[in-house]
PDB file of N, CA and C in Angstrom:
ATOM      1  N   MET A   1       0.728  -1.261   0.032  1.00  0.00           N
ATOM      2  CA  MET A   1      -0.311  -0.076   0.110  1.00  0.00           C
ATOM      3  C   MET A   1       0.846   1.275   0.127  1.00  0.00           C
ATOM      4  N   LEU A   2       0.644   2.160  -1.062  1.00  0.00           N
ATOM      5  CA  LEU A   2       1.469   3.074  -0.792  1.00  0.00           C
ATOM      6  C   LEU A   2       0.988   4.656   0.123  1.00  0.00           C
ATOM      7  N   THR A   3       1.974   4.965   0.607  1.00  0.00           N
ATOM      8  CA  THR A   3       1.762   6.036   1.480  1.00  0.00           C
ATOM      9  C   THR A   3       2.438   7.547   1.289  1.00  0.00           C
ATOM     10  N   SER A   4       2.314   8.195   1.881  1.00  0.00           N
ATOM     11  CA  SER A   4       2.886   9.767   1.672  1.00  0.00           C
ATOM     12  C   SER A   4       3.917   9.699   1.185  1.00  0.00           C
ATOM     13  N   ALA A   5       4.532   9.536   2.785  1.00  0.00           N
ATOM     14  CA  ALA A   5       6.190   9.316   2.800  1.00  0.00           C
ATOM     15  C   ALA A   5       6.381   8.447   1.684  1.00  0.00           C
ATOM     16  N   GLN A   6       6.361   7.575   1.188  1.00  0.00           N
ATOM     17  CA  GLN A   6       6.887   7.116  -0.022  1.00  0.00           C
ATOM     18  C   GLN A   6       6.998   7.820  -1.378  1.00  0.00           C
ATOM     19  N   ILE A   7       5.871   8.476  -1.700  1.00  0.00           N
ATOM     20  CA  ILE A   7       5.810   9.802  -2.407  1.00  0.00           C
ATOM     21  C   ILE A   7       6.568  10.374  -2.528  1.00  0.00           C
ATOM     22  N   ARG A   8       6.851  11.220  -1.554  1.00  0.00           N
ATOM     23  CA  ARG A   8       7.928  12.541  -1.048  1.00  0.00           C
ATOM     24  C   ARG A   8       9.125  11.882  -1.127  1.00  0.00           C
ATOM     25  N   ALA A   9       9.472  11.049  -1.126  1.00  0.00           N
ATOM     26  CA  ALA A   9      10.777  10.319  -1.134  1.00  0.00           C
ATOM     27  C   ALA A   9      11.122   9.712  -2.310  1.00  0.00           C
ATOM     28  N   ALA A  10       9.727   9.443  -3.266  1.00  0.00           N
ATOM     29  CA  ALA A  10      10.223   8.861  -4.289  1.00  0.00           C
ATOM     30  C   ALA A  10      10.488  10.401  -5.453  1.00  0.00           C
ATOM     31  N   ARG A  11       9.882  11.112  -5.001  1.00  0.00           N
ATOM     32  CA  ARG A  11      10.337  12.635  -5.466  1.00  0.00           C
ATOM     33  C   ARG A  11      11.565  13.018  -5.014  1.00  0.00           C
ATOM     34  N   ALA A  12      11.622  12.871  -4.075  1.00  0.00           N
ATOM     35  CA  ALA A  12      13.400  13.616  -3.459  1.00  0.00           C
ATOM     36  C   ALA A  12      14.199  12.457  -4.112  1.00  0.00           C
ATOM     37  N   LEU A  13      14.161  11.129  -4.312  1.00  0.00           N
ATOM     38  CA  LEU A  13      15.490  10.382  -4.919  1.00  0.00           C
ATOM     39  C   LEU A  13      15.379  11.052  -6.693  1.00  0.00           C
ATOM     40  N   LEU A  14      14.328  11.556  -7.557  1.00  0.00           N
ATOM     41  CA  LEU A  14      14.192  12.015  -8.524  1.00  0.00           C
ATOM     42  C   LEU A  14      14.732  13.440  -8.729  1.00  0.00           C
ATOM     43  N   ARG A  15      14.627  14.039  -7.472  1.00  0.00           N
ATOM     44  CA  ARG A  15      14.788  15.761  -7.418  1.00  0.00           C
ATOM     45  C   ARG A  15      13.325  16.392  -8.183  1.00  0.00           C
ATOM     46  N   TRP A  16      12.359  15.597  -8.000  1.00  0.00           N
ATOM     47  CA  TRP A  16      11.183  16.236  -8.378  1.00  0.00           C
ATOM     48  C   TRP A  16      11.047  16.981  -7.897  1.00  0.00           C
ATOM     49  N   GLU A  17       9.761  18.132  -7.970  1.00  0.00           N
ATOM     50  CA  GLU A  17       8.861  18.992  -7.259  1.00  0.00           C
ATOM     51  C   GLU A  17       7.719  18.720  -7.967  1.00  0.00           C
ATOM     52  N   GLN A  18       6.951  18.812  -7.212  1.00  0.00           N
ATOM     53  CA  GLN A  18       5.118  18.377  -6.765  1.00  0.00           C
ATOM     54  C   GLN A  18       5.076  18.904  -8.286  1.00  0.00           C
ATOM     55  N   LYS A  19       5.314  19.710  -8.883  1.00  0.00           N
ATOM     56  CA  LYS A  19       4.769  19.912 -10.221  1.00  0.00           C
ATOM     57  C   LYS A  19       5.347  19.324 -11.393  1.00  0.00           C
ATOM     58  N   ASP A  20       6.526  18.472 -11.392  1.00  0.00           N
ATOM     59  CA  ASP A  20       6.793  17.646 -12.224  1.00  0.00           C
ATOM     60  C   ASP A  20       6.281  15.983 -11.990  1.00  0.00           C
ATOM     61  N   LEU A  21       5.892  15.757 -10.944  1.00  0.00           N
ATOM     62  CA  LEU A  21       5.073  14.811 -10.354  1.00  0.00           C
ATOM     63  C   LEU A  21       3.935  15.114 -11.198  1.00  0.00           C
ATOM     64  N   VAL A  22       3.009  16.397 -11.142  1.00  0.00           N
ATOM     65  CA  VAL A  22       1.242  16.979 -11.720  1.00  0.00           C
ATOM     66  C   VAL A  22       1.793  16.306 -13.189  1.00  0.00           C
ATOM     67  N   ARG A  23       3.409  16.662 -13.888  1.00  0.00           N
ATOM     68  CA  ARG A  23       3.369  16.412 -15.780  1.00  0.00           C
ATOM     69  C   ARG A  23       3.191  15.014 -15.410  1.00  0.00           C
ATOM     70  N   ALA A  24       4.002  14.573 -15.115  1.00  0.00           N
ATOM     71  CA  ALA A  24       4.189  13.290 -15.162  1.00  0.00           C
ATOM     72  C   ALA A  24       3.177  11.882 -15.007  1.00  0.00           C
ATOM     73  N   SER A  25       2.525  12.445 -14.010  1.00  0.00           N
ATOM     74  CA  SER A  25       1.038  11.703 -13.647  1.00  0.00           C
ATOM     75  C   SER A  25      -0.322  11.785 -14.048  1.00  0.00           C
ATOM     76  N   LYS A  26      -0.072  13.340 -14.495  1.00  0.00           N
ATOM     77  CA  LYS A  26      -1.474  13.653 -14.847  1.00  0.00           C
ATOM     78  C   LYS A  26      -2.811  13.683 -13.848  1.00  0.00           C
ATOM     79  N   VAL A  27      -2.078  14.000 -12.957  1.00  0.00           N
ATOM     80  CA  VAL A  27      -2.900  14.093 -11.380  1.00  0.00           C
ATOM     81  C   VAL A  27      -2.624  15.530 -11.126  1.00  0.00           C
ATOM     82  N   SER A  28      -3.652  16.381 -10.463  1.00  0.00           N
ATOM     83  CA  SER A  28      -3.704  18.275 -10.234  1.00  0.00           C
ATOM     84  C   SER A  28      -2.807  18.267  -9.052  1.00  0.00           C
ATOM     85  N   LEU A  29      -2.186  19.272  -9.241  1.00  0.00           N
ATOM     86  CA  LEU A  29      -1.437  19.437  -8.185  1.00  0.00           C
ATOM     87  C   LEU A  29      -1.921  19.886  -6.547  1.00  0.00           C
ATOM     88  N   PRO A  30      -3.836  20.416  -6.369  1.00  0.00           N
ATOM     89  CA  PRO A  30      -4.297  19.843  -5.279  1.00  0.00           C
ATOM     90  C   PRO A  30      -4.486  18.387  -4.806  1.00  0.00           C
ATOM     91  N   THR A  31      -4.400  17.648  -5.340  1.00  0.00           N
ATOM     92  CA  THR A  31      -4.583  16.267  -5.144  1.00  0.00           C
ATOM     93  C   THR A  31      -2.992  15.811  -4.775  1.00  0.00           C
ATOM     94  N   ILE A  32      -1.995  15.990  -5.236  1.00  0.00           N
ATOM     95  CA  ILE A  32      -0.465  15.914  -5.090  1.00  0.00           C
ATOM     96  C   ILE A  32      -0.383  15.994  -3.645  1.00  0.00           C
ATOM     97  N   LYS A  33      -0.631  17.539  -3.452  1.00  0.00           N
ATOM     98  CA  LYS A  33      -0.541  18.357  -2.575  1.00  0.00           C
ATOM     99  C   LYS A  33      -1.119  17.484  -1.093  1.00  0.00           C
ATOM    100  N   ARG A  34      -2.342  17.123  -1.195  1.00  0.00           N
ATOM    101  CA  ARG A  34      -3.454  16.426  -0.406  1.00  0.00           C
ATOM    102  C   ARG A  34      -2.706  15.071   0.078  1.00  0.00           C
ATOM    103  N   LEU A  35      -2.409  14.616  -0.659  1.00  0.00           N
ATOM    104  CA  LEU A  35      -2.057  13.306  -0.524  1.00  0.00           C
ATOM    105  C   LEU A  35      -0.228  13.144   0.586  1.00  0.00           C
ATOM    106  N   GLU A  36       0.631  14.191  -0.133  1.00  0.00           N
ATOM    107  CA  GLU A  36       1.553  14.322   0.436  1.00  0.00           C
ATOM    108  C   GLU A  36       1.899  14.482   1.360  1.00  0.00           C
ATOM    109  N   VAL A  37       0.140  15.124   2.731  1.00  0.00           N
ATOM    110  CA  VAL A  37       0.533  15.694   3.962  1.00  0.00           C
ATOM    111  C   VAL A  37      -0.221  14.805   4.786  1.00  0.00           C
ATOM    112  N   LYS A  38      -0.943  13.573   4.170  1.00  0.00           N
ATOM    113  CA  LYS A  38      -1.854  12.751   5.080  1.00  0.00           C
ATOM    114  C   LYS A  38      -0.754  11.683   4.956  1.00  0.00           C
ATOM    115  N   THR A  39      -0.940  11.531   6.699  1.00  0.00           N
ATOM    116  CA  THR A  39      -0.150  10.210   7.324  1.00  0.00           C
ATOM    117  C   THR A  39      -0.853   8.839   6.709  1.00  0.00           C
ATOM    118  N   GLY A  40       0.000   7.947   6.940  1.00  0.00           N
ATOM    119  CA  GLY A  40      -0.281   6.561   6.336  1.00  0.00           C
ATOM    120  C   GLY A  40      -0.861   6.241   4.890  1.00  0.00           C
ATOM    121  N   PRO A  41      -1.895   5.633   4.696  1.00  0.00           N
ATOM    122  CA  PRO A  41      -2.046   4.485   3.724  1.00  0.00           C
ATOM    123  C   PRO A  41      -2.863   6.057   2.942  1.00  0.00           C
ATOM    124  N   LEU A  42      -2.816   6.200   1.852  1.00  0.00           N
ATOM    125  CA  LEU A  42      -2.864   7.354   0.960  1.00  0.00           C
ATOM    126  C   LEU A  42      -4.610   7.378   1.085  1.00  0.00           C
ATOM    127  N   GLY A  43      -5.426   6.635   0.510  1.00  0.00           N
ATOM    128  CA  GLY A  43      -6.752   6.267   0.714  1.00  0.00           C
ATOM    129  C   GLY A  43      -7.522   7.372  -0.297  1.00  0.00           C
ATOM    130  N   ALA A  44      -6.348   7.338  -1.469  1.00  0.00           N
ATOM    131  CA  ALA A  44      -7.295   7.702  -3.023  1.00  0.00           C
ATOM    132  C   ALA A  44      -7.818   6.943  -3.840  1.00  0.00           C
ATOM    133  N   HIS A  45      -8.046   7.358  -4.768  1.00  0.00           N
ATOM    134  CA  HIS A  45      -9.156   6.485  -5.847  1.00  0.00           C
ATOM    135  C   HIS A  45      -8.067   5.391  -6.589  1.00  0.00           C
ATOM    136  N   ASP A  46      -8.218   4.274  -6.964  1.00  0.00           N
ATOM    137  CA  ASP A  46      -7.117   3.562  -7.758  1.00  0.00           C
ATOM    138  C   ASP A  46      -6.662   4.412  -8.926  1.00  0.00           C
ATOM    139  N   VAL A  47      -7.434   4.894  -9.543  1.00  0.00           N
ATOM    140  CA  VAL A  47      -6.840   5.467 -10.710  1.00  0.00           C
ATOM    141  C   VAL A  47      -5.945   6.773 -10.229  1.00  0.00           C
ATOM    142  N   THR A  48      -6.149   7.625  -9.587  1.00  0.00           N
ATOM    143  CA  THR A  48      -5.106   8.310  -8.689  1.00  0.00           C
ATOM    144  C   THR A  48      -3.773   7.614  -8.547  1.00  0.00           C
ATOM    145  N   VAL A  49      -3.747   6.487  -7.635  1.00  0.00           N
ATOM    146  CA  VAL A  49      -2.721   5.905  -7.123  1.00  0.00           C
ATOM    147  C   VAL A  49      -2.035   5.287  -7.938  1.00  0.00           C
ATOM    148  N   ASP A  50      -2.794   4.513  -9.149  1.00  0.00           N
ATOM    149  CA  ASP A  50      -2.352   4.015 -10.318  1.00  0.00           C
ATOM    150  C   ASP A  50      -1.259   4.607 -10.878  1.00  0.00           C
ATOM    151  N   ALA A  51      -2.067   6.322 -11.343  1.00  0.00           N
ATOM    152  CA  ALA A  51      -1.168   7.355 -12.531  1.00  0.00           C
ATOM    153  C   ALA A  51      -0.270   7.639 -11.567  1.00  0.00           C
ATOM    154  N   ILE A  52       0.040   8.014 -10.236  1.00  0.00           N
ATOM    155  CA  ILE A  52       1.049   8.115  -9.474  1.00  0.00           C
ATOM    156  C   ILE A  52       2.394   7.311  -9.991  1.00  0.00           C
ATOM    157  N   ILE A  53       1.852   5.444  -9.639  1.00  0.00           N
ATOM    158  CA  ILE A  53       3.022   4.868  -9.710  1.00  0.00           C
ATOM    159  C   ILE A  53       3.415   4.454 -10.744  1.00  0.00           C
ATOM    160  N   ARG A  54       2.318   4.580 -11.625  1.00  0.00           N
ATOM    161  CA  ARG A  54       3.168   4.706 -13.053  1.00  0.00           C
ATOM    162  C   ARG A  54       4.365   5.624 -13.460  1.00  0.00           C
ATOM    163  N   ALA A  55       4.141   6.867 -13.189  1.00  0.00           N
ATOM    164  CA  ALA A  55       4.768   8.053 -13.447  1.00  0.00           C
ATOM    165  C   ALA A  55       6.219   7.847 -12.818  1.00  0.00           C
ATOM    166  N   PHE A  56       6.358   7.045 -11.687  1.00  0.00           N
ATOM    167  CA  PHE A  56       7.524   6.822 -11.134  1.00  0.00           C
ATOM    168  C   PHE A  56       8.165   5.904 -11.645  1.00  0.00           C
ATOM    169  N   ASP A  57       7.164   4.551 -12.116  1.00  0.00           N
ATOM    170  CA  ASP A  57       7.775   3.604 -12.822  1.00  0.00           C
ATOM    171  C   ASP A  57       8.537   3.832 -13.797  1.00  0.00           C
ATOM    172  N   ALA A  58       7.426   5.059 -14.663  1.00  0.00           N
ATOM    173  CA  ALA A  58       8.381   5.275 -15.598  1.00  0.00           C
ATOM    174  C   ALA A  58       9.806   5.965 -15.795  1.00  0.00           C
ATOM    175  N   ALA A  59       9.792   6.574 -14.573  1.00  0.00           N
ATOM    176  CA  ALA A  59      11.194   7.049 -14.856  1.00  0.00           C
ATOM    177  C   ALA A  59      12.107   6.610 -13.580  1.00  0.00           C
ATOM    178  N   GLY A  60      11.687   5.067 -13.550  1.00  0.00           N
ATOM    179  CA  GLY A  60      12.729   4.458 -12.959  1.00  0.00           C
ATOM    180  C   GLY A  60      13.010   3.976 -11.490  1.00  0.00           C
ATOM    181  N   VAL A  61      11.853   4.489 -11.358  1.00  0.00           N
ATOM    182  CA  VAL A  61      11.400   4.303  -9.490  1.00  0.00           C
ATOM    183  C   VAL A  61      10.520   2.887  -9.195  1.00  0.00           C
ATOM    184  N   GLU A  62      10.841   2.440  -8.424  1.00  0.00           N
ATOM    185  CA  GLU A  62      10.114   1.301  -7.754  1.00  0.00           C
ATOM    186  C   GLU A  62       9.929   1.339  -5.935  1.00  0.00           C
ATOM    187  N   PHE A  63       8.234   0.919  -5.287  1.00  0.00           N
ATOM    188  CA  PHE A  63       8.255   0.897  -4.326  1.00  0.00           C
ATOM    189  C   PHE A  63       8.570   0.062  -3.938  1.00  0.00           C
ATOM    190  N   ILE A  64       8.790  -0.194  -2.520  1.00  0.00           N
ATOM    191  CA  ILE A  64       9.136  -1.370  -1.831  1.00  0.00           C
ATOM    192  C   ILE A  64       8.362  -1.753  -0.621  1.00  0.00           C
ATOM    193  N   ALA A  65       7.652  -2.259  -0.261  1.00  0.00           N
ATOM    194  CA  ALA A  65       6.500  -2.944   0.371  1.00  0.00           C
ATOM    195  C   ALA A  65       6.964  -3.026   1.812  1.00  0.00           C
ATOM    196  N   ALA A  66       6.293  -2.527   2.929  1.00  0.00           N
ATOM    197  CA  ALA A  66       7.156  -3.030   4.066  1.00  0.00           C
ATOM    198  C   ALA A  66       6.695  -4.734   4.660  1.00  0.00           C
ATOM    199  N   GLU A  67       7.456  -5.222   5.266  1.00  0.00           N
ATOM    200  CA  GLU A  67       7.862  -6.625   5.348  1.00  0.00           C
ATOM    201  C   GLU A  67       8.896  -7.074   6.512  1.00  0.00           C
ATOM    202  N   SER A  68       8.667  -7.946   6.925  1.00  0.00           N
ATOM    203  CA  SER A  68       9.224  -8.338   8.028  1.00  0.00           C
ATOM    204  C   SER A  68       9.986  -7.446   8.959  1.00  0.00           C
ATOM    205  N   GLY A  69       9.311  -6.728   9.320  1.00  0.00           N
ATOM    206  CA  GLY A  69       9.383  -5.460  10.454  1.00  0.00           C
ATOM    207  C   GLY A  69      10.309  -4.657   9.921  1.00  0.00           C
ATOM    208  N   LYS A  70      10.143  -4.746   8.555  1.00  0.00           N
ATOM    209  CA  LYS A  70      11.199  -3.309   7.958  1.00  0.00           C
ATOM    210  C   LYS A  70      10.236  -2.576   6.978  1.00  0.00           C
ATOM    211  N   GLY A  71      10.471  -1.093   7.056  1.00  0.00           N
ATOM    212  CA  GLY A  71       9.346  -0.464   6.587  1.00  0.00           C
ATOM    213  C   GLY A  71       9.398  -0.340   5.301  1.00  0.00           C
ATOM    214  N   ALA A  72       8.622   0.793   4.620  1.00  0.00           N
ATOM    215  CA  ALA A  72       8.163   0.630   3.029  1.00  0.00           C
ATOM    216  C   ALA A  72       9.317   1.943   2.835  1.00  0.00           C
ATOM    217  N   GLY A  73       9.712   1.722   1.386  1.00  0.00           N
ATOM    218  CA  GLY A  73      10.411   2.656   1.146  1.00  0.00           C
ATOM    219  C   GLY A  73      10.481   2.748  -0.459  1.00  0.00           C
ATOM    220  N   VAL A  74      11.112   3.258  -0.968  1.00  0.00           N
ATOM    221  CA  VAL A  74      11.447   3.621  -2.526  1.00  0.00           C
ATOM    222  C   VAL A  74      12.712   3.073  -3.020  1.00  0.00           C
ATOM    223  N   ARG A  75      13.287   2.768  -4.013  1.00  0.00           N
ATOM    224  CA  ARG A  75      14.530   2.926  -4.608  1.00  0.00           C
ATOM    225  C   ARG A  75      14.526   2.452  -6.583  1.00  0.00           C
ATOM    226  N   PHE A  76      15.856   2.920  -6.891  1.00  0.00           N
ATOM    227  CA  PHE A  76      15.728   3.326  -8.201  1.00  0.00           C
ATOM    228  C   PHE A  76      15.677   1.686  -9.199  1.00  0.00           C
ATOM    229  N   LYS A  77      14.729   1.612  -9.871  1.00  0.00           N
ATOM    230  CA  LYS A  77      14.834   0.495 -10.423  1.00  0.00           C
ATOM    231  C   LYS A  77      15.578  -0.654 -10.922  1.00  0.00           C
ATOM    232  N   THR A  78      17.000  -0.034 -11.446  1.00  0.00           N
ATOM    233  CA  THR A  78      18.232  -0.603 -11.787  1.00  0.00           C
ATOM    234  C   THR A  78      19.510   0.713 -10.975  1.00  0.00           C
ATOM    235  N   ASP A  79      20.704   0.212 -10.743  1.00  0.00           N
ATOM    236  CA  ASP A  79      21.620   0.850 -10.459  1.00  0.00           C
ATOM    237  C   ASP A  79      21.647   1.865 -11.032  1.00  0.00           C
ATOM    238  N   GLN A  80      21.597   3.527 -10.735  1.00  0.00           N
ATOM    239  CA  GLN A  80      21.794   4.277 -11.574  1.00  0.00           C
ATOM    240  C   GLN A  80      22.692   4.977 -11.951  1.00  0.00           C
ATOM    241  N   ASP A  81      24.343   4.529 -11.063  1.00  0.00           N
ATOM    242  CA  ASP A  81      25.397   4.858 -11.225  1.00  0.00           C
ATOM    243  C   ASP A  81      26.368   3.702 -11.970  1.00  0.00           C
ATOM    244  N   ALA A  82      25.840   2.873 -12.468  1.00  0.00           N
ATOM    245  CA  ALA A  82      26.580   1.998 -12.874  1.00  0.00           C
ATOM    246  C   ALA A  82      26.402   2.190 -14.404  1.00  0.00           C
ATOM    247  N   PRO A  83      27.566   2.312 -15.109  1.00  0.00           N
ATOM    248  CA  PRO A  83      27.892   2.671 -16.460  1.00  0.00           C
ATOM    249  C   PRO A  83      27.315   1.540 -17.501  1.00  0.00           C
ATOM    250  N   GLU A  84      26.805   2.043 -18.271  1.00  0.00           N
ATOM    251  CA  GLU A  84      25.838   1.760 -19.603  1.00  0.00           C
ATOM    252  C   GLU A  84      27.068   0.829 -20.137  1.00  0.00           C
ATOM    253  N   ASP A  85      26.208  -0.687 -20.685  1.00  0.00           N
ATOM    254  CA  ASP A  85      27.323  -1.456 -21.384  1.00  0.00           C
ATOM    255  C   ASP A  85      27.224  -0.922 -22.918  1.00  0.00           C
ATOM    256  N   SER A  86      28.159  -0.816 -23.623  1.00  0.00           N
ATOM    257  CA  SER A  86      28.553  -0.569 -25.017  1.00  0.00           C
ATOM    258  C   SER A  86      28.025  -1.389 -25.861  1.00  0.00           C
TER     259      SER A  86
END
């Protein structure tokens, strides 16, 4: 389940401002702002959450679910510092 902290962390990882997420997800700025200040699970419509997840996925970020006593988080889908193979 996606949380507001994960959205903020994913934006920070990409160095995105809220307007960048708005552009990538097509979710309105007021909605992004509202979701980011909420604590815990988002409680948003599925289409809104899916749009946000797809935007971050397209930018190379994935969400990590909480499990085994470890918290939820975000990370790059691939090693962003690794040189590309020629």
